[in-house]
Amino acid sequence: MTGNHPPYKGITEAKEWAAHQGFEVFSPGSGCTHPVHFAISDRGCVSLVCVRYPKYRDFNTGHIEYSCRTEIAKLRALAVTGEIFREIWVRKKREIWYRYLVLAGSIEELI
């Protein structure tokens, strides 16, 4: 993501990919602002998703934690219950998305 504008094209592609994977996709209303771009439900588990294009194309958790630190902090600041998860999605190619679960003190890659 560059500047203060969400990656609209990437968000649309991420939603399409999520639907193709069998997730239920929920889009926020037009008044919703960053950091949550959409939500997914997978077998009863709900996640809030933020889409990012990191500057560096290294997808290990350490690099993602650094390059997405602002969005991770914003996701952690959201007041949600323990049943709702927070995720950062980054893209390598249009059809390849990396998903990271944002926890209180770390992130984990979801496979």
N, C-alpha and C. Protein backbone atom coordinates (compact mmCIF):
# COMPACT_ATOMS: atom_id res chain seq x y z
N MET A 1 0.85 -1.17 0.00
CA MET A 1 0.00 0.00 0.00
C MET A 1 0.89 1.23 0.00
N THR A 2 0.52 2.21 -0.78
CA THR A 2 1.29 3.44 -0.80
C THR A 2 0.43 4.57 -0.29
N GLY A 3 1.04 5.49 0.43
CA GLY A 3 0.30 6.63 0.93
C GLY A 3 -0.78 6.22 1.90
N ASN A 4 -1.87 6.98 1.92
CA ASN A 4 -2.97 6.72 2.84
C ASN A 4 -4.17 6.07 2.18
N HIS A 5 -4.03 5.66 0.94
CA HIS A 5 -5.15 5.08 0.23
C HIS A 5 -5.10 3.55 0.30
N PRO A 6 -6.22 2.91 0.62
CA PRO A 6 -6.24 1.45 0.63
C PRO A 6 -5.97 0.91 -0.77
N PRO A 7 -5.40 -0.29 -0.86
CA PRO A 7 -5.14 -0.90 -2.17
C PRO A 7 -6.44 -1.49 -2.74
N TYR A 8 -7.27 -0.64 -3.34
CA TYR A 8 -8.61 -1.04 -3.77
C TYR A 8 -8.59 -2.25 -4.70
N LYS A 9 -7.70 -2.26 -5.66
CA LYS A 9 -7.62 -3.39 -6.58
C LYS A 9 -7.25 -4.66 -5.83
N GLY A 10 -6.28 -4.58 -4.95
CA GLY A 10 -5.87 -5.73 -4.16
C GLY A 10 -6.96 -6.23 -3.24
N ILE A 11 -7.72 -5.32 -2.66
CA ILE A 11 -8.83 -5.70 -1.79
C ILE A 11 -9.86 -6.49 -2.58
N THR A 12 -10.20 -6.01 -3.77
CA THR A 12 -11.15 -6.71 -4.62
C THR A 12 -10.63 -8.10 -4.98
N GLU A 13 -9.36 -8.19 -5.35
CA GLU A 13 -8.77 -9.48 -5.70
C GLU A 13 -8.71 -10.42 -4.50
N ALA A 14 -8.43 -9.88 -3.32
CA ALA A 14 -8.39 -10.70 -2.11
C ALA A 14 -9.78 -11.25 -1.78
N LYS A 15 -10.80 -10.43 -1.95
CA LYS A 15 -12.17 -10.89 -1.72
C LYS A 15 -12.54 -12.01 -2.69
N GLU A 16 -12.16 -11.84 -3.95
CA GLU A 16 -12.44 -12.86 -4.96
C GLU A 16 -11.71 -14.16 -4.61
N TRP A 17 -10.45 -14.05 -4.20
CA TRP A 17 -9.68 -15.23 -3.83
C TRP A 17 -10.31 -15.91 -2.62
N ALA A 18 -10.72 -15.12 -1.63
CA ALA A 18 -11.34 -15.68 -0.42
C ALA A 18 -12.61 -16.44 -0.78
N ALA A 19 -13.44 -15.87 -1.63
CA ALA A 19 -14.68 -16.54 -2.05
C ALA A 19 -14.36 -17.83 -2.80
N HIS A 20 -13.33 -17.79 -3.63
CA HIS A 20 -12.91 -18.99 -4.37
C HIS A 20 -12.42 -20.09 -3.42
N GLN A 21 -11.84 -19.70 -2.29
CA GLN A 21 -11.36 -20.66 -1.29
C GLN A 21 -12.50 -21.21 -0.43
N GLY A 22 -13.70 -20.67 -0.61
CA GLY A 22 -14.86 -21.15 0.14
C GLY A 22 -15.19 -20.34 1.37
N PHE A 23 -14.52 -19.23 1.57
CA PHE A 23 -14.84 -18.36 2.71
C PHE A 23 -16.09 -17.54 2.39
N GLU A 24 -16.88 -17.24 3.41
CA GLU A 24 -17.94 -16.25 3.25
C GLU A 24 -17.27 -14.89 3.43
N VAL A 25 -17.56 -13.96 2.54
CA VAL A 25 -16.90 -12.66 2.56
C VAL A 25 -17.93 -11.59 2.90
N PHE A 26 -17.58 -10.73 3.84
CA PHE A 26 -18.45 -9.64 4.27
C PHE A 26 -17.71 -8.33 4.07
N SER A 27 -18.28 -7.45 3.30
CA SER A 27 -17.66 -6.16 3.03
C SER A 27 -18.25 -5.11 3.96
N PRO A 28 -17.39 -4.24 4.51
CA PRO A 28 -17.90 -3.16 5.35
C PRO A 28 -18.64 -2.13 4.51
N GLY A 29 -19.44 -1.32 5.15
CA GLY A 29 -20.14 -0.25 4.46
C GLY A 29 -19.18 0.78 3.92
N SER A 30 -19.67 1.65 3.10
CA SER A 30 -18.82 2.65 2.45
C SER A 30 -18.18 3.61 3.45
N GLY A 31 -18.72 3.74 4.63
CA GLY A 31 -18.15 4.65 5.62
C GLY A 31 -17.03 4.04 6.45
N CYS A 32 -16.79 2.75 6.27
CA CYS A 32 -15.76 2.06 7.05
C CYS A 32 -14.37 2.49 6.59
N THR A 33 -13.49 2.65 7.55
CA THR A 33 -12.13 3.07 7.22
C THR A 33 -11.12 2.00 7.60
N HIS A 34 -9.95 2.19 7.11
CA HIS A 34 -8.81 1.32 7.39
C HIS A 34 -8.69 1.14 8.89
N PRO A 35 -8.28 0.03 9.48
CA PRO A 35 -7.46 -1.01 8.91
C PRO A 35 -8.23 -2.24 8.40
N VAL A 36 -9.51 -2.35 8.64
CA VAL A 36 -10.24 -3.55 8.21
C VAL A 36 -10.81 -3.31 6.82
N HIS A 37 -10.41 -4.15 5.86
CA HIS A 37 -10.91 -4.02 4.49
C HIS A 37 -12.11 -4.91 4.23
N PHE A 38 -12.18 -6.05 4.91
CA PHE A 38 -13.35 -6.93 4.83
C PHE A 38 -13.23 -7.99 5.92
N ALA A 39 -14.26 -8.80 6.07
CA ALA A 39 -14.26 -9.89 7.04
C ALA A 39 -14.56 -11.18 6.31
N ILE A 40 -14.06 -12.28 6.87
CA ILE A 40 -14.37 -13.59 6.31
C ILE A 40 -14.89 -14.49 7.42
N SER A 41 -15.64 -15.49 7.01
CA SER A 41 -16.10 -16.52 7.92
C SER A 41 -15.73 -17.86 7.31
N ASP A 42 -15.10 -18.70 8.12
CA ASP A 42 -14.69 -20.03 7.67
C ASP A 42 -15.11 -21.03 8.75
N ARG A 43 -16.15 -21.79 8.47
CA ARG A 43 -16.67 -22.80 9.40
C ARG A 43 -16.93 -22.20 10.78
N GLY A 44 -17.53 -21.04 10.80
CA GLY A 44 -17.90 -20.40 12.05
C GLY A 44 -16.84 -19.51 12.67
N CYS A 45 -15.63 -19.50 12.14
CA CYS A 45 -14.58 -18.61 12.63
C CYS A 45 -14.57 -17.33 11.80
N VAL A 46 -14.62 -16.21 12.48
CA VAL A 46 -14.67 -14.91 11.81
C VAL A 46 -13.33 -14.21 11.96
N SER A 47 -12.83 -13.66 10.85
CA SER A 47 -11.59 -12.89 10.86
C SER A 47 -11.81 -11.55 10.19
N LEU A 48 -11.20 -10.52 10.76
CA LEU A 48 -11.14 -9.20 10.14
C LEU A 48 -9.84 -9.16 9.33
N VAL A 49 -9.93 -8.72 8.09
CA VAL A 49 -8.79 -8.81 7.18
C VAL A 49 -8.34 -7.42 6.73
N CYS A 50 -7.03 -7.24 6.76
CA CYS A 50 -6.38 -6.05 6.22
C CYS A 50 -5.47 -6.51 5.09
N VAL A 51 -5.57 -5.88 3.93
CA VAL A 51 -4.76 -6.24 2.77
C VAL A 51 -3.60 -5.27 2.66
N ARG A 52 -2.41 -5.83 2.44
CA ARG A 52 -1.21 -5.00 2.31
C ARG A 52 -0.35 -5.46 1.16
N TYR A 53 0.40 -4.52 0.60
CA TYR A 53 1.46 -4.82 -0.36
C TYR A 53 2.75 -4.36 0.29
N PRO A 54 3.48 -5.27 0.92
CA PRO A 54 4.72 -4.83 1.58
C PRO A 54 5.74 -4.32 0.56
N LYS A 55 6.55 -3.40 1.00
CA LYS A 55 7.56 -2.81 0.12
C LYS A 55 8.57 -3.87 -0.32
N TYR A 56 8.93 -4.74 0.60
CA TYR A 56 9.89 -5.79 0.29
C TYR A 56 9.14 -7.10 0.13
N ARG A 57 9.51 -7.88 -0.85
CA ARG A 57 8.80 -9.12 -1.17
C ARG A 57 9.37 -10.33 -0.42
N ASP A 58 9.68 -10.16 0.85
CA ASP A 58 10.09 -11.27 1.69
C ASP A 58 8.91 -11.54 2.62
N PHE A 59 8.43 -12.77 2.62
CA PHE A 59 7.17 -13.06 3.29
C PHE A 59 7.34 -13.82 4.60
N ASN A 60 8.55 -13.81 5.20
CA ASN A 60 8.67 -14.45 6.51
C ASN A 60 8.05 -13.54 7.56
N THR A 61 7.69 -14.12 8.69
CA THR A 61 6.92 -13.36 9.69
C THR A 61 7.67 -12.14 10.20
N GLY A 62 8.99 -12.23 10.35
CA GLY A 62 9.76 -11.08 10.83
C GLY A 62 9.66 -9.89 9.90
N HIS A 63 9.78 -10.13 8.61
CA HIS A 63 9.68 -9.03 7.64
C HIS A 63 8.26 -8.48 7.57
N ILE A 64 7.27 -9.35 7.64
CA ILE A 64 5.88 -8.88 7.61
C ILE A 64 5.58 -8.06 8.86
N GLU A 65 6.04 -8.54 10.01
CA GLU A 65 5.83 -7.77 11.25
C GLU A 65 6.43 -6.38 11.14
N TYR A 66 7.59 -6.26 10.50
CA TYR A 66 8.23 -4.96 10.35
C TYR A 66 7.52 -4.10 9.30
N SER A 67 7.31 -4.65 8.11
CA SER A 67 6.77 -3.83 7.03
C SER A 67 5.29 -3.49 7.21
N CYS A 68 4.57 -4.28 8.00
CA CYS A 68 3.14 -4.02 8.23
C CYS A 68 2.87 -3.58 9.67
N ARG A 69 3.89 -3.08 10.36
CA ARG A 69 3.77 -2.77 11.78
C ARG A 69 2.66 -1.78 12.12
N THR A 70 2.44 -0.79 11.27
CA THR A 70 1.39 0.20 11.55
C THR A 70 0.02 -0.45 11.49
N GLU A 71 -0.25 -1.24 10.46
CA GLU A 71 -1.55 -1.90 10.32
C GLU A 71 -1.74 -2.95 11.40
N ILE A 72 -0.67 -3.65 11.76
CA ILE A 72 -0.76 -4.65 12.83
C ILE A 72 -1.14 -3.96 14.13
N ALA A 73 -0.53 -2.83 14.42
CA ALA A 73 -0.86 -2.09 15.65
C ALA A 73 -2.32 -1.64 15.63
N LYS A 74 -2.80 -1.18 14.48
CA LYS A 74 -4.19 -0.75 14.37
C LYS A 74 -5.15 -1.93 14.56
N LEU A 75 -4.80 -3.08 13.99
CA LEU A 75 -5.64 -4.27 14.19
C LEU A 75 -5.66 -4.69 15.65
N ARG A 76 -4.51 -4.66 16.29
CA ARG A 76 -4.45 -5.03 17.71
C ARG A 76 -5.25 -4.08 18.59
N ALA A 77 -5.36 -2.83 18.17
CA ALA A 77 -6.09 -1.83 18.95
C ALA A 77 -7.60 -1.97 18.85
N LEU A 78 -8.08 -2.75 17.87
CA LEU A 78 -9.52 -2.94 17.72
C LEU A 78 -10.09 -3.70 18.92
N ALA A 79 -11.18 -3.19 19.46
CA ALA A 79 -11.83 -3.86 20.59
C ALA A 79 -12.80 -4.91 20.04
N VAL A 80 -12.32 -6.14 19.99
CA VAL A 80 -13.15 -7.25 19.53
C VAL A 80 -13.05 -8.39 20.54
N THR A 81 -14.02 -9.29 20.48
CA THR A 81 -14.01 -10.43 21.40
C THR A 81 -12.97 -11.45 20.96
N GLY A 82 -12.68 -12.39 21.84
CA GLY A 82 -11.70 -13.42 21.56
C GLY A 82 -12.11 -14.38 20.46
N GLU A 83 -13.38 -14.37 20.08
CA GLU A 83 -13.86 -15.25 19.02
C GLU A 83 -13.64 -14.66 17.63
N ILE A 84 -13.22 -13.43 17.56
CA ILE A 84 -12.96 -12.78 16.27
C ILE A 84 -11.46 -12.61 16.12
N PHE A 85 -10.95 -13.06 14.98
CA PHE A 85 -9.52 -13.01 14.71
C PHE A 85 -9.18 -11.81 13.84
N ARG A 86 -7.90 -11.48 13.82
CA ARG A 86 -7.39 -10.39 12.99
C ARG A 86 -6.33 -10.97 12.07
N GLU A 87 -6.39 -10.59 10.78
CA GLU A 87 -5.43 -11.12 9.83
C GLU A 87 -4.88 -10.01 8.93
N ILE A 88 -3.63 -10.19 8.52
CA ILE A 88 -3.00 -9.39 7.47
C ILE A 88 -2.84 -10.32 6.29
N TRP A 89 -3.26 -9.89 5.10
CA TRP A 89 -3.07 -10.66 3.88
C TRP A 89 -2.13 -9.87 2.98
N VAL A 90 -1.11 -10.54 2.47
CA VAL A 90 -0.20 -9.92 1.51
C VAL A 90 -0.14 -10.81 0.28
N ARG A 91 0.14 -10.20 -0.84
CA ARG A 91 0.09 -10.92 -2.11
C ARG A 91 1.46 -11.01 -2.75
N LYS A 92 1.76 -12.20 -3.24
CA LYS A 92 2.97 -12.40 -4.03
C LYS A 92 2.63 -12.24 -5.50
N LYS A 93 1.61 -12.94 -5.94
CA LYS A 93 1.06 -12.82 -7.28
C LYS A 93 -0.45 -12.75 -7.11
N ARG A 94 -1.15 -12.47 -8.19
CA ARG A 94 -2.61 -12.34 -8.10
C ARG A 94 -3.26 -13.54 -7.43
N GLU A 95 -2.77 -14.73 -7.74
CA GLU A 95 -3.41 -15.93 -7.22
C GLU A 95 -2.74 -16.50 -5.98
N ILE A 96 -1.70 -15.85 -5.49
CA ILE A 96 -1.00 -16.36 -4.31
C ILE A 96 -1.07 -15.32 -3.19
N TRP A 97 -1.83 -15.64 -2.16
CA TRP A 97 -1.97 -14.77 -0.99
C TRP A 97 -1.34 -15.43 0.22
N TYR A 98 -0.64 -14.66 1.02
CA TYR A 98 -0.10 -15.12 2.29
C TYR A 98 -0.97 -14.52 3.38
N ARG A 99 -1.37 -15.37 4.31
CA ARG A 99 -2.24 -14.93 5.41
C ARG A 99 -1.47 -15.03 6.72
N TYR A 100 -1.59 -13.98 7.54
CA TYR A 100 -0.93 -13.95 8.83
C TYR A 100 -1.94 -13.62 9.91
N LEU A 101 -1.96 -14.43 10.94
CA LEU A 101 -2.83 -14.21 12.09
C LEU A 101 -2.13 -13.22 13.02
N VAL A 102 -2.81 -12.14 13.36
CA VAL A 102 -2.25 -11.12 14.24
C VAL A 102 -2.64 -11.45 15.67
N LEU A 103 -1.66 -11.78 16.48
CA LEU A 103 -1.86 -12.09 17.89
C LEU A 103 -1.41 -10.91 18.74
N ALA A 104 -1.60 -11.01 20.04
CA ALA A 104 -1.27 -9.88 20.93
C ALA A 104 0.20 -9.47 20.86
N GLY A 105 1.11 -10.44 20.79
CA GLY A 105 2.53 -10.09 20.79
C GLY A 105 3.31 -10.61 19.61
N SER A 106 2.64 -11.21 18.64
CA SER A 106 3.35 -11.77 17.49
C SER A 106 2.38 -11.97 16.35
N ILE A 107 2.89 -12.50 15.24
CA ILE A 107 2.04 -12.91 14.13
C ILE A 107 2.44 -14.33 13.76
N GLU A 108 1.49 -15.07 13.19
CA GLU A 108 1.75 -16.43 12.73
C GLU A 108 1.23 -16.57 11.31
N GLU A 109 2.01 -17.25 10.47
CA GLU A 109 1.55 -17.50 9.11
C GLU A 109 0.48 -18.59 9.15
N LEU A 110 -0.60 -18.35 8.42
CA LEU A 110 -1.67 -19.34 8.30
C LEU A 110 -1.46 -20.11 7.01
N ILE A 111 -1.51 -21.39 7.11
CA ILE A 111 -1.28 -22.21 5.92
C ILE A 111 -2.55 -22.94 5.56
